[in-house]
Amino acid sequence: MKHLFFLVVALFVGEKVLAQPVTNDTVVCIIDTTKSYVLYQENVVEREIPTPFHWQVIVEGHYYDDRPRYKDIAGANFRAGLWGGVKGVEGLPKKRVPKNGLKERFIVEDEEWITNQKKLHDLKMNLGVAPFHKYNYIIFSQDYYCTESDSVTMHRVEIGYGEVQY
């Protein structure tokens, strides 16, 4: 009976440990749209039918610097509002979170780190490759560095890369 009790307790504790939330699946990028290597665009996809408001941020990359033919397409693309890969998500999802503890809870990078990466593999491993791999959010630097507020708005985005298939 004593062994059965310990087995049940061990199973219960094991289940709770495995059910702990994973913190490395959410990536927050702090983006300064005034940088010369960052491009912010609104409503970039125009169709015959009206589309909801959307935007994208492209951070110029350097992972194809050794391939001049492909150098111009290197970049990380963050899209908001055109949800192709997240089932049931529409519009511009965002949430307000406290600034305090942001770096402890999530993977936090900035546009400078993104543009300085020389390997596409490193970008994909840190930022993710698709909506089902990691949750990607953008915080605009104006909001992040504002001293009048102790919270920021995280904008949910899909991530993509300019890449060449070999």
N, C-alpha and C. Protein backbone atom coordinates (compact mmCIF):
# COMPACT_ATOMS: atom_id res chain seq x y z
N MET A 1 0.83 -1.20 0.00
CA MET A 1 0.00 0.00 0.00
C MET A 1 0.87 1.26 0.00
N LYS A 2 1.94 1.19 0.77
CA LYS A 2 2.84 2.34 0.86
C LYS A 2 3.47 2.64 -0.51
N HIS A 3 3.83 1.57 -1.25
CA HIS A 3 4.44 1.74 -2.57
C HIS A 3 3.43 2.32 -3.58
N LEU A 4 2.19 1.91 -3.46
CA LEU A 4 1.15 2.42 -4.34
C LEU A 4 0.96 3.92 -4.10
N PHE A 5 0.96 4.32 -2.83
CA PHE A 5 0.83 5.74 -2.50
C PHE A 5 1.96 6.56 -3.14
N PHE A 6 3.20 6.09 -3.01
CA PHE A 6 4.34 6.81 -3.60
C PHE A 6 4.28 6.82 -5.12
N LEU A 7 3.77 5.75 -5.71
CA LEU A 7 3.62 5.70 -7.16
C LEU A 7 2.61 6.73 -7.63
N VAL A 8 1.50 6.84 -6.94
CA VAL A 8 0.47 7.83 -7.30
C VAL A 8 1.02 9.25 -7.14
N VAL A 9 1.72 9.49 -6.04
CA VAL A 9 2.31 10.82 -5.81
C VAL A 9 3.34 11.12 -6.91
N ALA A 10 4.18 10.15 -7.25
CA ALA A 10 5.19 10.35 -8.29
C ALA A 10 4.54 10.64 -9.64
N LEU A 11 3.48 9.93 -9.98
CA LEU A 11 2.77 10.19 -11.23
C LEU A 11 2.16 11.58 -11.24
N PHE A 12 1.56 11.99 -10.12
CA PHE A 12 0.95 13.30 -10.02
C PHE A 12 2.00 14.41 -10.17
N VAL A 13 3.11 14.28 -9.46
CA VAL A 13 4.19 15.27 -9.54
C VAL A 13 4.79 15.28 -10.93
N GLY A 14 4.99 14.11 -11.52
CA GLY A 14 5.54 14.03 -12.88
C GLY A 14 4.65 14.70 -13.90
N GLU A 15 3.34 14.51 -13.76
CA GLU A 15 2.41 15.15 -14.68
C GLU A 15 2.47 16.67 -14.54
N LYS A 16 2.56 17.17 -13.32
CA LYS A 16 2.63 18.62 -13.10
C LYS A 16 3.92 19.20 -13.66
N VAL A 17 5.02 18.48 -13.52
CA VAL A 17 6.30 18.97 -14.05
C VAL A 17 6.24 19.03 -15.57
N LEU A 18 5.68 18.01 -16.20
CA LEU A 18 5.59 18.01 -17.66
C LEU A 18 4.59 19.04 -18.18
N ALA A 19 3.64 19.43 -17.35
CA ALA A 19 2.62 20.39 -17.78
C ALA A 19 3.05 21.84 -17.57
N GLN A 20 4.24 22.08 -17.06
CA GLN A 20 4.70 23.45 -16.85
C GLN A 20 4.78 24.19 -18.18
N PRO A 21 4.41 25.46 -18.23
CA PRO A 21 4.48 26.20 -19.48
C PRO A 21 5.93 26.36 -19.95
N VAL A 22 6.10 26.26 -21.25
CA VAL A 22 7.43 26.43 -21.85
C VAL A 22 7.63 27.90 -22.14
N THR A 23 8.71 28.49 -21.64
CA THR A 23 8.92 29.92 -21.82
C THR A 23 9.73 30.24 -23.06
N ASN A 24 10.39 29.25 -23.66
CA ASN A 24 11.21 29.55 -24.83
C ASN A 24 10.44 29.41 -26.14
N ASP A 25 9.12 29.35 -26.08
CA ASP A 25 8.35 29.29 -27.31
C ASP A 25 7.73 30.63 -27.67
N THR A 26 8.00 31.66 -26.91
CA THR A 26 7.49 33.00 -27.21
C THR A 26 8.66 33.95 -27.41
N VAL A 27 8.68 34.58 -28.58
CA VAL A 27 9.76 35.48 -28.94
C VAL A 27 9.19 36.88 -29.09
N VAL A 28 9.82 37.84 -28.44
CA VAL A 28 9.41 39.23 -28.52
C VAL A 28 10.56 40.01 -29.16
N CYS A 29 10.26 40.70 -30.25
CA CYS A 29 11.27 41.51 -30.93
C CYS A 29 10.94 42.98 -30.71
N ILE A 30 11.90 43.70 -30.19
CA ILE A 30 11.74 45.15 -30.00
C ILE A 30 12.27 45.81 -31.26
N ILE A 31 11.38 46.50 -31.96
CA ILE A 31 11.70 47.02 -33.29
C ILE A 31 11.63 48.54 -33.30
N ASP A 32 12.69 49.15 -33.79
CA ASP A 32 12.74 50.60 -34.01
C ASP A 32 12.57 50.84 -35.50
N THR A 33 11.41 51.34 -35.89
CA THR A 33 11.11 51.52 -37.31
C THR A 33 11.82 52.71 -37.93
N THR A 34 12.56 53.48 -37.14
CA THR A 34 13.30 54.62 -37.71
C THR A 34 14.68 54.22 -38.22
N LYS A 35 15.10 52.98 -37.97
CA LYS A 35 16.42 52.53 -38.43
C LYS A 35 16.40 52.37 -39.94
N SER A 36 17.54 52.62 -40.57
CA SER A 36 17.62 52.55 -42.04
C SER A 36 17.43 51.14 -42.57
N TYR A 37 17.67 50.11 -41.79
CA TYR A 37 17.54 48.73 -42.25
C TYR A 37 16.20 48.10 -41.86
N VAL A 38 15.27 48.93 -41.37
CA VAL A 38 13.93 48.46 -41.00
C VAL A 38 12.91 49.17 -41.89
N LEU A 39 12.01 48.38 -42.48
CA LEU A 39 10.97 48.93 -43.35
C LEU A 39 9.61 48.58 -42.76
N TYR A 40 8.80 49.60 -42.49
CA TYR A 40 7.44 49.40 -42.01
C TYR A 40 6.49 49.73 -43.15
N GLN A 41 5.56 48.81 -43.45
CA GLN A 41 4.60 49.03 -44.54
C GLN A 41 3.20 48.70 -44.05
N GLU A 42 2.22 49.51 -44.47
CA GLU A 42 0.82 49.24 -44.16
C GLU A 42 0.11 48.77 -45.41
N ASN A 43 -0.84 47.85 -45.22
CA ASN A 43 -1.69 47.35 -46.30
C ASN A 43 -0.90 47.00 -47.56
N VAL A 44 0.07 46.11 -47.42
CA VAL A 44 0.96 45.77 -48.54
C VAL A 44 0.32 44.83 -49.54
N VAL A 45 -0.69 44.09 -49.14
CA VAL A 45 -1.37 43.18 -50.05
C VAL A 45 -2.69 43.83 -50.45
N GLU A 46 -2.77 44.21 -51.70
CA GLU A 46 -4.01 44.82 -52.19
C GLU A 46 -4.68 43.83 -53.11
N ARG A 47 -5.92 43.56 -52.83
CA ARG A 47 -6.71 42.63 -53.63
C ARG A 47 -7.92 43.36 -54.17
N GLU A 48 -8.63 42.67 -55.05
CA GLU A 48 -9.85 43.27 -55.58
C GLU A 48 -10.92 43.39 -54.49
N ILE A 49 -10.92 42.42 -53.59
CA ILE A 49 -11.87 42.51 -52.48
C ILE A 49 -11.22 43.25 -51.32
N PRO A 50 -11.97 43.97 -50.55
CA PRO A 50 -11.38 44.71 -49.43
C PRO A 50 -10.74 43.75 -48.41
N THR A 51 -9.58 44.10 -47.96
CA THR A 51 -8.90 43.31 -46.94
C THR A 51 -8.85 44.11 -45.66
N PRO A 52 -8.82 43.43 -44.53
CA PRO A 52 -8.72 44.17 -43.27
C PRO A 52 -7.36 44.86 -43.17
N PHE A 53 -7.30 45.85 -42.32
CA PHE A 53 -6.05 46.57 -42.12
C PHE A 53 -4.96 45.59 -41.68
N HIS A 54 -3.78 45.73 -42.25
CA HIS A 54 -2.66 44.90 -41.87
C HIS A 54 -1.37 45.68 -42.08
N TRP A 55 -0.29 45.17 -41.56
CA TRP A 55 1.02 45.82 -41.72
C TRP A 55 2.11 44.77 -41.64
N GLN A 56 3.29 45.18 -42.07
CA GLN A 56 4.44 44.30 -41.94
C GLN A 56 5.69 45.12 -41.66
N VAL A 57 6.62 44.48 -40.99
CA VAL A 57 7.92 45.07 -40.70
C VAL A 57 8.96 44.12 -41.29
N ILE A 58 9.86 44.66 -42.10
CA ILE A 58 10.94 43.87 -42.66
C ILE A 58 12.25 44.40 -42.10
N VAL A 59 13.03 43.49 -41.52
CA VAL A 59 14.35 43.84 -41.01
C VAL A 59 15.37 43.24 -41.97
N GLU A 60 16.15 44.12 -42.59
CA GLU A 60 17.14 43.68 -43.56
C GLU A 60 18.13 42.71 -42.92
N GLY A 61 18.41 41.63 -43.63
CA GLY A 61 19.33 40.62 -43.11
C GLY A 61 20.65 40.61 -43.85
N HIS A 62 21.60 39.89 -43.28
CA HIS A 62 22.94 39.78 -43.89
C HIS A 62 23.38 38.33 -44.02
N TYR A 63 22.44 37.40 -44.02
CA TYR A 63 22.80 36.00 -44.09
C TYR A 63 23.13 35.54 -45.52
N TYR A 64 22.92 36.38 -46.51
CA TYR A 64 23.33 36.05 -47.89
C TYR A 64 24.42 37.00 -48.39
N ASP A 65 25.15 37.63 -47.50
CA ASP A 65 26.20 38.56 -47.93
C ASP A 65 27.24 37.90 -48.81
N ASP A 66 27.48 36.61 -48.61
CA ASP A 66 28.47 35.91 -49.42
C ASP A 66 27.90 35.42 -50.75
N ARG A 67 26.62 35.70 -51.01
CA ARG A 67 25.98 35.33 -52.28
C ARG A 67 25.36 36.58 -52.89
N PRO A 68 26.13 37.38 -53.62
CA PRO A 68 25.65 38.66 -54.13
C PRO A 68 24.33 38.58 -54.89
N ARG A 69 24.11 37.46 -55.57
CA ARG A 69 22.88 37.31 -56.36
C ARG A 69 21.63 37.34 -55.46
N TYR A 70 21.74 36.85 -54.22
CA TYR A 70 20.60 36.75 -53.32
C TYR A 70 20.65 37.76 -52.16
N LYS A 71 21.66 38.58 -52.15
CA LYS A 71 21.89 39.50 -51.03
C LYS A 71 20.67 40.38 -50.73
N ASP A 72 20.00 40.85 -51.76
CA ASP A 72 18.89 41.79 -51.58
C ASP A 72 17.62 41.17 -51.01
N ILE A 73 17.51 39.84 -51.02
CA ILE A 73 16.26 39.25 -50.50
C ILE A 73 16.39 38.81 -49.05
N ALA A 74 17.56 38.92 -48.46
CA ALA A 74 17.76 38.48 -47.08
C ALA A 74 17.04 39.42 -46.12
N GLY A 75 16.21 38.86 -45.27
CA GLY A 75 15.52 39.68 -44.28
C GLY A 75 14.51 38.88 -43.50
N ALA A 76 14.15 39.39 -42.35
CA ALA A 76 13.09 38.80 -41.53
C ALA A 76 11.84 39.65 -41.70
N ASN A 77 10.75 38.99 -42.02
CA ASN A 77 9.50 39.66 -42.30
C ASN A 77 8.49 39.32 -41.21
N PHE A 78 7.98 40.34 -40.53
CA PHE A 78 6.97 40.16 -39.49
C PHE A 78 5.66 40.74 -40.02
N ARG A 79 4.64 39.87 -40.17
CA ARG A 79 3.36 40.30 -40.72
C ARG A 79 2.27 40.27 -39.66
N ALA A 80 1.46 41.29 -39.63
CA ALA A 80 0.33 41.35 -38.70
C ALA A 80 -0.96 41.57 -39.48
N GLY A 81 -1.96 40.77 -39.18
CA GLY A 81 -3.28 40.97 -39.78
C GLY A 81 -3.59 40.09 -40.97
N LEU A 82 -2.60 39.43 -41.56
CA LEU A 82 -2.84 38.52 -42.68
C LEU A 82 -2.51 37.11 -42.21
N TRP A 83 -3.37 36.54 -41.42
CA TRP A 83 -3.07 35.29 -40.74
C TRP A 83 -3.30 34.11 -41.66
N GLY A 84 -2.21 33.57 -42.19
CA GLY A 84 -2.30 32.41 -43.05
C GLY A 84 -2.01 31.12 -42.31
N GLY A 85 -1.33 31.17 -41.19
CA GLY A 85 -0.89 29.95 -40.55
C GLY A 85 -1.43 29.71 -39.16
N VAL A 86 -2.19 30.62 -38.61
CA VAL A 86 -2.69 30.45 -37.25
C VAL A 86 -4.20 30.29 -37.32
N LYS A 87 -4.64 29.05 -37.15
CA LYS A 87 -6.06 28.74 -37.28
C LYS A 87 -6.89 29.48 -36.22
N GLY A 88 -7.93 30.16 -36.66
CA GLY A 88 -8.82 30.84 -35.75
C GLY A 88 -8.38 32.23 -35.33
N VAL A 89 -7.22 32.69 -35.80
CA VAL A 89 -6.73 34.02 -35.43
C VAL A 89 -6.99 34.97 -36.59
N GLU A 90 -7.67 36.05 -36.30
CA GLU A 90 -7.96 37.06 -37.31
C GLU A 90 -7.69 38.43 -36.74
N GLY A 91 -7.54 39.41 -37.63
CA GLY A 91 -7.36 40.78 -37.18
C GLY A 91 -5.95 41.03 -36.68
N LEU A 92 -5.84 41.93 -35.74
CA LEU A 92 -4.55 42.34 -35.20
C LEU A 92 -4.50 42.02 -33.71
N PRO A 93 -4.24 40.77 -33.35
CA PRO A 93 -4.21 40.44 -31.92
C PRO A 93 -3.03 41.10 -31.21
N LYS A 94 -3.30 41.61 -30.05
CA LYS A 94 -2.27 42.25 -29.25
C LYS A 94 -2.65 42.14 -27.79
N LYS A 95 -1.65 42.28 -26.93
CA LYS A 95 -1.93 42.26 -25.50
C LYS A 95 -0.98 43.18 -24.78
N ARG A 96 -1.45 43.68 -23.69
CA ARG A 96 -0.68 44.60 -22.84
C ARG A 96 -0.02 43.78 -21.73
N VAL A 97 1.29 43.94 -21.57
CA VAL A 97 2.03 43.20 -20.54
C VAL A 97 2.94 44.16 -19.80
N PRO A 98 3.28 43.85 -18.55
CA PRO A 98 4.21 44.72 -17.82
C PRO A 98 5.63 44.62 -18.38
N LYS A 99 6.34 45.73 -18.40
CA LYS A 99 7.74 45.74 -18.86
C LYS A 99 8.62 44.95 -17.91
N ASN A 100 8.32 45.07 -16.64
CA ASN A 100 9.13 44.41 -15.63
C ASN A 100 9.06 42.89 -15.81
N GLY A 101 10.19 42.24 -15.95
CA GLY A 101 10.24 40.80 -16.10
C GLY A 101 10.07 40.28 -17.51
N LEU A 102 9.98 41.16 -18.47
CA LEU A 102 9.77 40.75 -19.86
C LEU A 102 10.89 39.84 -20.35
N LYS A 103 12.13 40.21 -20.06
CA LYS A 103 13.27 39.44 -20.54
C LYS A 103 13.43 38.11 -19.79
N GLU A 104 12.87 38.01 -18.60
CA GLU A 104 12.92 36.76 -17.87
C GLU A 104 11.86 35.78 -18.37
N ARG A 105 10.74 36.29 -18.86
CA ARG A 105 9.64 35.42 -19.28
C ARG A 105 9.74 34.97 -20.73
N PHE A 106 10.35 35.80 -21.61
CA PHE A 106 10.35 35.52 -23.04
C PHE A 106 11.76 35.63 -23.62
N ILE A 107 11.92 35.13 -24.83
CA ILE A 107 13.13 35.40 -25.60
C ILE A 107 12.94 36.80 -26.16
N VAL A 108 13.85 37.71 -25.88
CA VAL A 108 13.73 39.09 -26.33
C VAL A 108 14.94 39.44 -27.18
N GLU A 109 14.68 39.88 -28.41
CA GLU A 109 15.72 40.33 -29.32
C GLU A 109 15.32 41.69 -29.86
N ASP A 110 16.26 42.37 -30.50
CA ASP A 110 15.93 43.64 -31.14
C ASP A 110 16.33 43.59 -32.61
N GLU A 111 15.96 44.65 -33.33
CA GLU A 111 16.22 44.68 -34.77
C GLU A 111 17.71 44.67 -35.08
N GLU A 112 18.53 45.20 -34.20
CA GLU A 112 19.97 45.21 -34.43
C GLU A 112 20.54 43.79 -34.39
N TRP A 113 20.08 42.99 -33.44
CA TRP A 113 20.52 41.61 -33.37
C TRP A 113 20.11 40.86 -34.64
N ILE A 114 18.86 41.09 -35.08
CA ILE A 114 18.35 40.40 -36.26
C ILE A 114 19.19 40.74 -37.49
N THR A 115 19.44 42.02 -37.73
CA THR A 115 20.17 42.41 -38.93
C THR A 115 21.63 41.97 -38.90
N ASN A 116 22.20 41.77 -37.73
CA ASN A 116 23.61 41.39 -37.63
C ASN A 116 23.86 39.89 -37.77
N GLN A 117 22.82 39.09 -37.81
CA GLN A 117 23.02 37.64 -37.93
C GLN A 117 23.52 37.27 -39.32
N LYS A 118 24.51 36.43 -39.36
CA LYS A 118 25.12 36.01 -40.64
C LYS A 118 24.63 34.65 -41.09
N LYS A 119 23.88 33.95 -40.23
CA LYS A 119 23.39 32.61 -40.57
C LYS A 119 21.87 32.57 -40.44
N LEU A 120 21.22 32.16 -41.51
CA LEU A 120 19.77 32.02 -41.49
C LEU A 120 19.36 30.96 -40.45
N HIS A 121 20.15 29.94 -40.29
CA HIS A 121 19.87 28.89 -39.31
C HIS A 121 19.76 29.48 -37.89
N ASP A 122 20.66 30.39 -37.54
CA ASP A 122 20.62 31.01 -36.22
C ASP A 122 19.35 31.83 -36.01
N LEU A 123 18.94 32.56 -37.05
CA LEU A 123 17.69 33.33 -36.96
C LEU A 123 16.51 32.39 -36.73
N LYS A 124 16.44 31.34 -37.53
CA LYS A 124 15.31 30.42 -37.42
C LYS A 124 15.28 29.71 -36.07
N MET A 125 16.43 29.36 -35.55
CA MET A 125 16.45 28.66 -34.26
C MET A 125 16.03 29.59 -33.12
N ASN A 126 16.37 30.86 -33.20
CA ASN A 126 16.05 31.79 -32.12
C ASN A 126 14.66 32.41 -32.27
N LEU A 127 14.31 32.81 -33.50
CA LEU A 127 13.03 33.49 -33.72
C LEU A 127 11.90 32.55 -34.11
N GLY A 128 12.25 31.39 -34.64
CA GLY A 128 11.24 30.45 -35.11
C GLY A 128 11.14 30.45 -36.61
N VAL A 129 10.47 29.44 -37.13
CA VAL A 129 10.35 29.31 -38.58
C VAL A 129 8.93 29.48 -39.09
N ALA A 130 7.96 29.37 -38.21
CA ALA A 130 6.56 29.45 -38.64
C ALA A 130 5.69 29.66 -37.40
N PRO A 131 4.42 30.03 -37.60
CA PRO A 131 3.54 30.27 -36.46
C PRO A 131 3.37 29.06 -35.55
N PHE A 132 3.52 27.85 -36.08
CA PHE A 132 3.36 26.67 -35.25
C PHE A 132 4.64 26.32 -34.48
N HIS A 133 5.74 26.98 -34.79
CA HIS A 133 7.01 26.70 -34.13
C HIS A 133 7.18 27.54 -32.86
N LYS A 134 7.02 28.84 -32.99
CA LYS A 134 7.11 29.75 -31.85
C LYS A 134 6.06 30.84 -32.01
N TYR A 135 5.71 31.47 -30.90
CA TYR A 135 4.81 32.60 -30.92
C TYR A 135 5.66 33.86 -31.05
N ASN A 136 5.39 34.66 -32.08
CA ASN A 136 6.17 35.86 -32.32
C ASN A 136 5.35 37.10 -32.06
N TYR A 137 5.98 38.05 -31.34
CA TYR A 137 5.37 39.34 -31.05
C TYR A 137 6.37 40.43 -31.36
N ILE A 138 5.84 41.60 -31.67
CA ILE A 138 6.67 42.80 -31.85
C ILE A 138 6.23 43.82 -30.81
N ILE A 139 7.22 44.47 -30.22
CA ILE A 139 6.98 45.66 -29.40
C ILE A 139 7.73 46.79 -30.09
N PHE A 140 7.03 47.84 -30.41
CA PHE A 140 7.70 48.97 -31.04
C PHE A 140 8.54 49.70 -30.00
N SER A 141 9.75 50.08 -30.37
CA SER A 141 10.71 50.64 -29.42
C SER A 141 10.19 51.91 -28.75
N GLN A 142 9.38 52.69 -29.45
CA GLN A 142 8.83 53.91 -28.86
C GLN A 142 7.98 53.56 -27.63
N ASP A 143 7.26 52.46 -27.72
CA ASP A 143 6.44 51.99 -26.60
C ASP A 143 7.33 51.40 -25.50
N TYR A 144 8.33 50.63 -25.89
CA TYR A 144 9.20 49.95 -24.93
C TYR A 144 10.02 50.94 -24.09
N TYR A 145 10.54 51.98 -24.73
CA TYR A 145 11.40 52.93 -24.04
C TYR A 145 10.65 54.12 -23.45
N CYS A 146 9.34 54.14 -23.55
CA CYS A 146 8.53 55.21 -22.97
C CYS A 146 8.61 55.12 -21.44
N THR A 147 9.05 56.19 -20.81
CA THR A 147 9.22 56.19 -19.35
C THR A 147 7.91 56.48 -18.60
N GLU A 148 6.87 56.88 -19.31
CA GLU A 148 5.60 57.23 -18.67
C GLU A 148 4.70 56.02 -18.42
N SER A 149 5.11 54.85 -18.91
CA SER A 149 4.28 53.67 -18.75
C SER A 149 5.11 52.50 -18.25
N ASP A 150 4.49 51.67 -17.43
CA ASP A 150 5.19 50.49 -16.94
C ASP A 150 4.77 49.22 -17.68
N SER A 151 4.00 49.38 -18.77
CA SER A 151 3.60 48.24 -19.58
C SER A 151 3.76 48.56 -21.06
N VAL A 152 3.74 47.52 -21.88
CA VAL A 152 3.92 47.66 -23.32
C VAL A 152 2.86 46.85 -24.04
N THR A 153 2.64 47.17 -25.31
CA THR A 153 1.72 46.41 -26.15
C THR A 153 2.52 45.46 -27.02
N MET A 154 2.23 44.18 -26.89
CA MET A 154 2.85 43.17 -27.73
C MET A 154 1.89 42.86 -28.88
N HIS A 155 2.37 43.02 -30.12
CA HIS A 155 1.57 42.77 -31.32
C HIS A 155 1.92 41.40 -31.87
N ARG A 156 0.93 40.53 -32.01
CA ARG A 156 1.16 39.17 -32.52
C ARG A 156 1.43 39.25 -34.01
N VAL A 157 2.50 38.61 -34.46
CA VAL A 157 2.88 38.62 -35.87
C VAL A 157 3.24 37.22 -36.34
N GLU A 158 3.17 37.03 -37.65
CA GLU A 158 3.71 35.83 -38.28
C GLU A 158 5.09 36.18 -38.79
N ILE A 159 5.99 35.21 -38.79
CA ILE A 159 7.34 35.47 -39.24
C ILE A 159 7.62 34.73 -40.54
N GLY A 160 8.44 35.36 -41.37
CA GLY A 160 8.90 34.74 -42.60
C GLY A 160 10.27 35.29 -42.94
N TYR A 161 10.93 34.63 -43.86
CA TYR A 161 12.27 35.04 -44.25
C TYR A 161 12.37 35.08 -45.76
N GLY A 162 13.23 35.98 -46.27
CA GLY A 162 13.58 35.92 -47.68
C GLY A 162 14.64 34.85 -47.81
N GLU A 163 14.27 33.75 -48.41
CA GLU A 163 15.24 32.67 -48.51
C GLU A 163 15.20 32.00 -49.87
N VAL A 164 16.29 31.40 -50.23
CA VAL A 164 16.46 30.71 -51.50
C VAL A 164 16.44 29.22 -51.22
N GLN A 165 15.68 28.48 -52.00
CA GLN A 165 15.66 27.03 -51.85
C GLN A 165 16.73 26.43 -52.75
N TYR A 166 17.56 25.58 -52.20
CA TYR A 166 18.62 24.92 -52.97
C TYR A 166 18.27 23.48 -53.22
